Amino acid sequence: MNFSMLLAFLGGYEMVVIGLIILLLFGGKKLPELMKGLGKGIKEFNSAKANIEGELKESMKDIDAKS
C-alpha cells in the first residue's frame, strides 16, 4: 500500500487524531524541529529526484544522438 492510497482512506477526523497523537508523543516544543527536519528531507529528496531525472534525460539525448 503506497502513501496516496493511505491518504485516500484517511478522512479529516482520522488526520486530527493522528495529529494529536504526534503532538502528545513529541510535545509542542519538539514539533517545530520535527517539521523543519521533515521539510529539509523533502527538499533534499526532490533535489535528488530532479538531478536523477536530468541525468537520465541527458543520457537519453546522448543515446539518440549516437544512433
PDB file of N, CA and C in Angstrom:
ATOM      1  N   MET A   1       0.856  -1.178   0.000  1.00  0.00           N
ATOM      2  CA  MET A   1       0.000   0.000   0.000  1.00  0.00           C
ATOM      3  C   MET A   1       0.894   1.230   0.000  1.00  0.00           C
ATOM      4  N   ASN A   2       0.688   2.117  -0.979  1.00  0.00           N
ATOM      5  CA  ASN A   2       1.515   3.309  -1.027  1.00  0.00           C
ATOM      6  C   ASN A   2       0.853   4.465  -0.284  1.00  0.00           C
ATOM      7  N   PHE A   3       1.571   5.566  -0.199  1.00  0.00           N
ATOM      8  CA  PHE A   3       1.134   6.699   0.619  1.00  0.00           C
ATOM      9  C   PHE A   3      -0.154   7.321   0.108  1.00  0.00           C
ATOM     10  N   SER A   4      -0.304   7.437  -1.220  1.00  0.00           N
ATOM     11  CA  SER A   4      -1.506   8.063  -1.764  1.00  0.00           C
ATOM     12  C   SER A   4      -2.748   7.225  -1.482  1.00  0.00           C
ATOM     13  N   MET A   5      -2.607   5.900  -1.493  1.00  0.00           N
ATOM     14  CA  MET A   5      -3.741   5.043  -1.162  1.00  0.00           C
ATOM     15  C   MET A   5      -4.110   5.194   0.306  1.00  0.00           C
ATOM     16  N   LEU A   6      -3.098   5.352   1.157  1.00  0.00           N
ATOM     17  CA  LEU A   6      -3.344   5.534   2.581  1.00  0.00           C
ATOM     18  C   LEU A   6      -4.113   6.827   2.833  1.00  0.00           C
ATOM     19  N   LEU A   7      -3.729   7.896   2.142  1.00  0.00           N
ATOM     20  CA  LEU A   7      -4.417   9.174   2.319  1.00  0.00           C
ATOM     21  C   LEU A   7      -5.865   9.106   1.838  1.00  0.00           C
ATOM     22  N   ALA A   8      -6.136   8.266   0.854  1.00  0.00           N
ATOM     23  CA  ALA A   8      -7.499   8.136   0.353  1.00  0.00           C
ATOM     24  C   ALA A   8      -8.417   7.533   1.421  1.00  0.00           C
ATOM     25  N   PHE A   9      -7.866   6.684   2.285  1.00  0.00           N
ATOM     26  CA  PHE A   9      -8.672   6.045   3.317  1.00  0.00           C
ATOM     27  C   PHE A   9      -8.818   6.907   4.567  1.00  0.00           C
ATOM     28  N   LEU A  10      -7.946   7.899   4.728  1.00  0.00           N
ATOM     29  CA  LEU A  10      -7.994   8.738   5.914  1.00  0.00           C
ATOM     30  C   LEU A  10      -8.866   9.957   5.668  1.00  0.00           C
ATOM     31  N   GLY A  11      -9.784  10.198   6.572  1.00  0.00           N
ATOM     32  CA  GLY A  11     -10.626  11.377   6.500  1.00  0.00           C
ATOM     33  C   GLY A  11     -10.104  12.462   7.427  1.00  0.00           C
ATOM     34  N   GLY A  12     -10.867  13.524   7.577  1.00  0.00           N
ATOM     35  CA  GLY A  12     -10.465  14.641   8.423  1.00  0.00           C
ATOM     36  C   GLY A  12     -10.332  14.249   9.883  1.00  0.00           C
ATOM     37  N   TYR A  13     -11.268  13.456  10.366  1.00  0.00           N
ATOM     38  CA  TYR A  13     -11.240  13.038  11.770  1.00  0.00           C
ATOM     39  C   TYR A  13     -10.001  12.205  12.071  1.00  0.00           C
ATOM     40  N   GLU A  14      -9.684  11.295  11.183  1.00  0.00           N
ATOM     41  CA  GLU A  14      -8.515  10.444  11.394  1.00  0.00           C
ATOM     42  C   GLU A  14      -7.227  11.259  11.378  1.00  0.00           C
ATOM     43  N   MET A  15      -7.157  12.251  10.477  1.00  0.00           N
ATOM     44  CA  MET A  15      -5.969  13.111  10.415  1.00  0.00           C
ATOM     45  C   MET A  15      -5.818  13.915  11.701  1.00  0.00           C
ATOM     46  N   VAL A  16      -6.916  14.383  12.274  1.00  0.00           N
ATOM     47  CA  VAL A  16      -6.864  15.129  13.534  1.00  0.00           C
ATOM     48  C   VAL A  16      -6.359  14.225  14.649  1.00  0.00           C
ATOM     49  N   VAL A  17      -6.846  12.996  14.706  1.00  0.00           N
ATOM     50  CA  VAL A  17      -6.410  12.049  15.736  1.00  0.00           C
ATOM     51  C   VAL A  17      -4.920  11.759  15.588  1.00  0.00           C
ATOM     52  N   ILE A  18      -4.456  11.544  14.371  1.00  0.00           N
ATOM     53  CA  ILE A  18      -3.032  11.291  14.136  1.00  0.00           C
ATOM     54  C   ILE A  18      -2.216  12.509  14.558  1.00  0.00           C
ATOM     55  N   GLY A  19      -2.699  13.707  14.235  1.00  0.00           N
ATOM     56  CA  GLY A  19      -2.005  14.936  14.640  1.00  0.00           C
ATOM     57  C   GLY A  19      -1.912  15.068  16.149  1.00  0.00           C
ATOM     58  N   LEU A  20      -2.988  14.735  16.847  1.00  0.00           N
ATOM     59  CA  LEU A  20      -2.971  14.800  18.315  1.00  0.00           C
ATOM     60  C   LEU A  20      -2.012  13.779  18.912  1.00  0.00           C
ATOM     61  N   ILE A  21      -1.967  12.601  18.338  1.00  0.00           N
ATOM     62  CA  ILE A  21      -1.034  11.567  18.818  1.00  0.00           C
ATOM     63  C   ILE A  21       0.404  12.041  18.636  1.00  0.00           C
ATOM     64  N   ILE A  22       0.709  12.620  17.481  1.00  0.00           N
ATOM     65  CA  ILE A  22       2.059  13.141  17.235  1.00  0.00           C
ATOM     66  C   ILE A  22       2.375  14.253  18.220  1.00  0.00           C
ATOM     67  N   LEU A  23       1.419  15.128  18.475  1.00  0.00           N
ATOM     68  CA  LEU A  23       1.621  16.213  19.433  1.00  0.00           C
ATOM     69  C   LEU A  23       1.893  15.666  20.826  1.00  0.00           C
ATOM     70  N   LEU A  24       1.174  14.633  21.229  1.00  0.00           N
ATOM     71  CA  LEU A  24       1.403  14.034  22.547  1.00  0.00           C
ATOM     72  C   LEU A  24       2.749  13.331  22.629  1.00  0.00           C
ATOM     73  N   LEU A  25       3.152  12.662  21.560  1.00  0.00           N
ATOM     74  CA  LEU A  25       4.422  11.937  21.573  1.00  0.00           C
ATOM     75  C   LEU A  25       5.623  12.871  21.606  1.00  0.00           C
ATOM     76  N   PHE A  26       5.605  13.922  20.781  1.00  0.00           N
ATOM     77  CA  PHE A  26       6.775  14.772  20.639  1.00  0.00           C
ATOM     78  C   PHE A  26       6.692  16.062  21.444  1.00  0.00           C
ATOM     79  N   GLY A  27       5.511  16.475  21.829  1.00  0.00           N
ATOM     80  CA  GLY A  27       5.365  17.708  22.593  1.00  0.00           C
ATOM     81  C   GLY A  27       5.386  18.932  21.700  1.00  0.00           C
ATOM     82  N   GLY A  28       4.892  20.016  22.236  1.00  0.00           N
ATOM     83  CA  GLY A  28       4.796  21.259  21.476  1.00  0.00           C
ATOM     84  C   GLY A  28       6.137  21.873  21.147  1.00  0.00           C
ATOM     85  N   LYS A  29       7.130  21.652  21.978  1.00  0.00           N
ATOM     86  CA  LYS A  29       8.441  22.271  21.751  1.00  0.00           C
ATOM     87  C   LYS A  29       9.235  21.540  20.676  1.00  0.00           C
ATOM     88  N   LYS A  30       9.068  20.242  20.554  1.00  0.00           N
ATOM     89  CA  LYS A  30       9.812  19.456  19.567  1.00  0.00           C
ATOM     90  C   LYS A  30       9.142  19.452  18.201  1.00  0.00           C
ATOM     91  N   LEU A  31       7.869  19.774  18.144  1.00  0.00           N
ATOM     92  CA  LEU A  31       7.128  19.695  16.886  1.00  0.00           C
ATOM     93  C   LEU A  31       7.690  20.616  15.794  1.00  0.00           C
ATOM     94  N   PRO A  32       8.031  21.877  16.076  1.00  0.00           N
ATOM     95  CA  PRO A  32       8.621  22.709  15.015  1.00  0.00           C
ATOM     96  C   PRO A  32       9.934  22.144  14.480  1.00  0.00           C
ATOM     97  N   GLU A  33      10.762  21.595  15.372  1.00  0.00           N
ATOM     98  CA  GLU A  33      12.015  20.984  14.937  1.00  0.00           C
ATOM     99  C   GLU A  33      11.742  19.782  14.049  1.00  0.00           C
ATOM    100  N   LEU A  34      10.752  18.999  14.409  1.00  0.00           N
ATOM    101  CA  LEU A  34      10.383  17.822  13.624  1.00  0.00           C
ATOM    102  C   LEU A  34       9.901  18.229  12.235  1.00  0.00           C
ATOM    103  N   MET A  35       9.059  19.245  12.163  1.00  0.00           N
ATOM    104  CA  MET A  35       8.548  19.709  10.877  1.00  0.00           C
ATOM    105  C   MET A  35       9.661  20.325  10.027  1.00  0.00           C
ATOM    106  N   LYS A  36      10.586  21.039  10.666  1.00  0.00           N
ATOM    107  CA  LYS A  36      11.712  21.619   9.941  1.00  0.00           C
ATOM    108  C   LYS A  36      12.571  20.521   9.326  1.00  0.00           C
ATOM    109  N   GLY A  37      12.840  19.482  10.092  1.00  0.00           N
ATOM    110  CA  GLY A  37      13.607  18.352   9.580  1.00  0.00           C
ATOM    111  C   GLY A  37      12.888  17.639   8.463  1.00  0.00           C
ATOM    112  N   LEU A  38      11.582  17.489   8.598  1.00  0.00           N
ATOM    113  CA  LEU A  38      10.785  16.862   7.552  1.00  0.00           C
ATOM    114  C   LEU A  38      10.828  17.686   6.275  1.00  0.00           C
ATOM    115  N   GLY A  39      10.724  18.994   6.412  1.00  0.00           N
ATOM    116  CA  GLY A  39      10.795  19.884   5.249  1.00  0.00           C
ATOM    117  C   GLY A  39      12.140  19.794   4.543  1.00  0.00           C
ATOM    118  N   LYS A  40      13.229  19.753   5.330  1.00  0.00           N
ATOM    119  CA  LYS A  40      14.560  19.628   4.737  1.00  0.00           C
ATOM    120  C   LYS A  40      14.697  18.293   4.012  1.00  0.00           C
ATOM    121  N   GLY A  41      14.169  17.245   4.598  1.00  0.00           N
ATOM    122  CA  GLY A  41      14.235  15.930   3.970  1.00  0.00           C
ATOM    123  C   GLY A  41      13.488  15.893   2.654  1.00  0.00           C
ATOM    124  N   ILE A  42      12.317  16.491   2.614  1.00  0.00           N
ATOM    125  CA  ILE A  42      11.526  16.530   1.386  1.00  0.00           C
ATOM    126  C   ILE A  42      12.245  17.355   0.321  1.00  0.00           C
ATOM    127  N   LYS A  43      12.851  18.481   0.748  1.00  0.00           N
ATOM    128  CA  LYS A  43      13.582  19.330  -0.194  1.00  0.00           C
ATOM    129  C   LYS A  43      14.773  18.575  -0.788  1.00  0.00           C
ATOM    130  N   GLU A  44      15.521  17.867   0.043  1.00  0.00           N
ATOM    131  CA  GLU A  44      16.662  17.088  -0.442  1.00  0.00           C
ATOM    132  C   GLU A  44      16.212  15.966  -1.380  1.00  0.00           C
ATOM    133  N   PHE A  45      15.119  15.315  -1.042  1.00  0.00           N
ATOM    134  CA  PHE A  45      14.589  14.248  -1.893  1.00  0.00           C
ATOM    135  C   PHE A  45      14.209  14.791  -3.262  1.00  0.00           C
ATOM    136  N   ASN A  46      13.494  15.920  -3.293  1.00  0.00           N
ATOM    137  CA  ASN A  46      13.081  16.500  -4.569  1.00  0.00           C
ATOM    138  C   ASN A  46      14.280  16.951  -5.388  1.00  0.00           C
ATOM    139  N   SER A  47      15.299  17.472  -4.715  1.00  0.00           N
ATOM    140  CA  SER A  47      16.518  17.886  -5.414  1.00  0.00           C
ATOM    141  C   SER A  47      17.218  16.680  -6.032  1.00  0.00           C
ATOM    142  N   ALA A  48      17.344  15.620  -5.277  1.00  0.00           N
ATOM    143  CA  ALA A  48      17.984  14.405  -5.790  1.00  0.00           C
ATOM    144  C   ALA A  48      17.178  13.820  -6.949  1.00  0.00           C
ATOM    145  N   LYS A  49      15.863  13.840  -6.828  1.00  0.00           N
ATOM    146  CA  LYS A  49      14.998  13.330  -7.895  1.00  0.00           C
ATOM    147  C   LYS A  49      15.175  14.151  -9.164  1.00  0.00           C
ATOM    148  N   ALA A  50      15.266  15.478  -9.028  1.00  0.00           N
ATOM    149  CA  ALA A  50      15.455  16.342 -10.194  1.00  0.00           C
ATOM    150  C   ALA A  50      16.812  16.079 -10.842  1.00  0.00           C
ATOM    151  N   ASN A  51      17.844  15.858 -10.027  1.00  0.00           N
ATOM    152  CA  ASN A  51      19.169  15.565 -10.572  1.00  0.00           C
ATOM    153  C   ASN A  51      19.169  14.257 -11.356  1.00  0.00           C
ATOM    154  N   ILE A  52      18.533  13.244 -10.816  1.00  0.00           N
ATOM    155  CA  ILE A  52      18.475  11.949 -11.489  1.00  0.00           C
ATOM    156  C   ILE A  52      17.690  12.056 -12.796  1.00  0.00           C
ATOM    157  N   GLU A  53      16.564  12.784 -12.762  1.00  0.00           N
ATOM    158  CA  GLU A  53      15.780  12.961 -13.981  1.00  0.00           C
ATOM    159  C   GLU A  53      16.586  13.692 -15.042  1.00  0.00           C
ATOM    160  N   GLY A  54      17.347  14.709 -14.631  1.00  0.00           N
ATOM    161  CA  GLY A  54      18.184  15.447 -15.578  1.00  0.00           C
ATOM    162  C   GLY A  54      19.259  14.571 -16.198  1.00  0.00           C
ATOM    163  N   GLU A  55      19.895  13.750 -15.370  1.00  0.00           N
ATOM    164  CA  GLU A  55      20.923  12.845 -15.879  1.00  0.00           C
ATOM    165  C   GLU A  55      20.335  11.822 -16.847  1.00  0.00           C
ATOM    166  N   LEU A  56      19.151  11.306 -16.527  1.00  0.00           N
ATOM    167  CA  LEU A  56      18.501  10.350 -17.422  1.00  0.00           C
ATOM    168  C   LEU A  56      18.153  10.993 -18.763  1.00  0.00           C
ATOM    169  N   LYS A  57      17.646  12.224 -18.726  1.00  0.00           N
ATOM    170  CA  LYS A  57      17.303  12.912 -19.972  1.00  0.00           C
ATOM    171  C   LYS A  57      18.551  13.169 -20.807  1.00  0.00           C
ATOM    172  N   GLU A  58      19.647  13.571 -20.143  1.00  0.00           N
ATOM    173  CA  GLU A  58      20.899  13.800 -20.867  1.00  0.00           C
ATOM    174  C   GLU A  58      21.410  12.518 -21.513  1.00  0.00           C
ATOM    175  N   SER A  59      21.354  11.424 -20.779  1.00  0.00           N
ATOM    176  CA  SER A  59      21.841  10.161 -21.332  1.00  0.00           C
ATOM    177  C   SER A  59      20.955   9.684 -22.484  1.00  0.00           C
ATOM    178  N   MET A  60      19.661   9.937 -22.387  1.00  0.00           N
ATOM    179  CA  MET A  60      18.764   9.570 -23.492  1.00  0.00           C
ATOM    180  C   MET A  60      19.079  10.404 -24.730  1.00  0.00           C
ATOM    181  N   LYS A  61      19.392  11.698 -24.531  1.00  0.00           N
ATOM    182  CA  LYS A  61      19.754  12.545 -25.669  1.00  0.00           C
ATOM    183  C   LYS A  61      21.053  12.046 -26.297  1.00  0.00           C
ATOM    184  N   ASP A  62      22.020  11.655 -25.459  1.00  0.00           N
ATOM    185  CA  ASP A  62      23.288  11.145 -25.971  1.00  0.00           C
ATOM    186  C   ASP A  62      23.082   9.859 -26.758  1.00  0.00           C
ATOM    187  N   ILE A  63      22.220   8.989 -26.259  1.00  0.00           N
ATOM    188  CA  ILE A  63      21.939   7.730 -26.958  1.00  0.00           C
ATOM    189  C   ILE A  63      21.262   8.015 -28.293  1.00  0.00           C
ATOM    190  N   ASP A  64      20.306   8.946 -28.312  1.00  0.00           N
ATOM    191  CA  ASP A  64      19.626   9.299 -29.560  1.00  0.00           C
ATOM    192  C   ASP A  64      20.584   9.938 -30.554  1.00  0.00           C
ATOM    193  N   ALA A  65      21.518  10.747 -30.045  1.00  0.00           N
ATOM    194  CA  ALA A  65      22.476  11.422 -30.935  1.00  0.00           C
ATOM    195  C   ALA A  65      23.430  10.425 -31.563  1.00  0.00           C
ATOM    196  N   LYS A  66      23.783   9.375 -30.845  1.00  0.00           N
ATOM    197  CA  LYS A  66      24.709   8.355 -31.354  1.00  0.00           C
ATOM    198  C   LYS A  66      24.037   7.445 -32.370  1.00  0.00           C
ATOM    199  N   SER A  67      22.738   7.321 -32.290  1.00  0.00           N
ATOM    200  CA  SER A  67      22.008   6.401 -33.188  1.00  0.00           C
ATOM    201  C   SER A  67      21.819   6.970 -34.555  1.00  0.00           C
TER     202      SER A  67
END
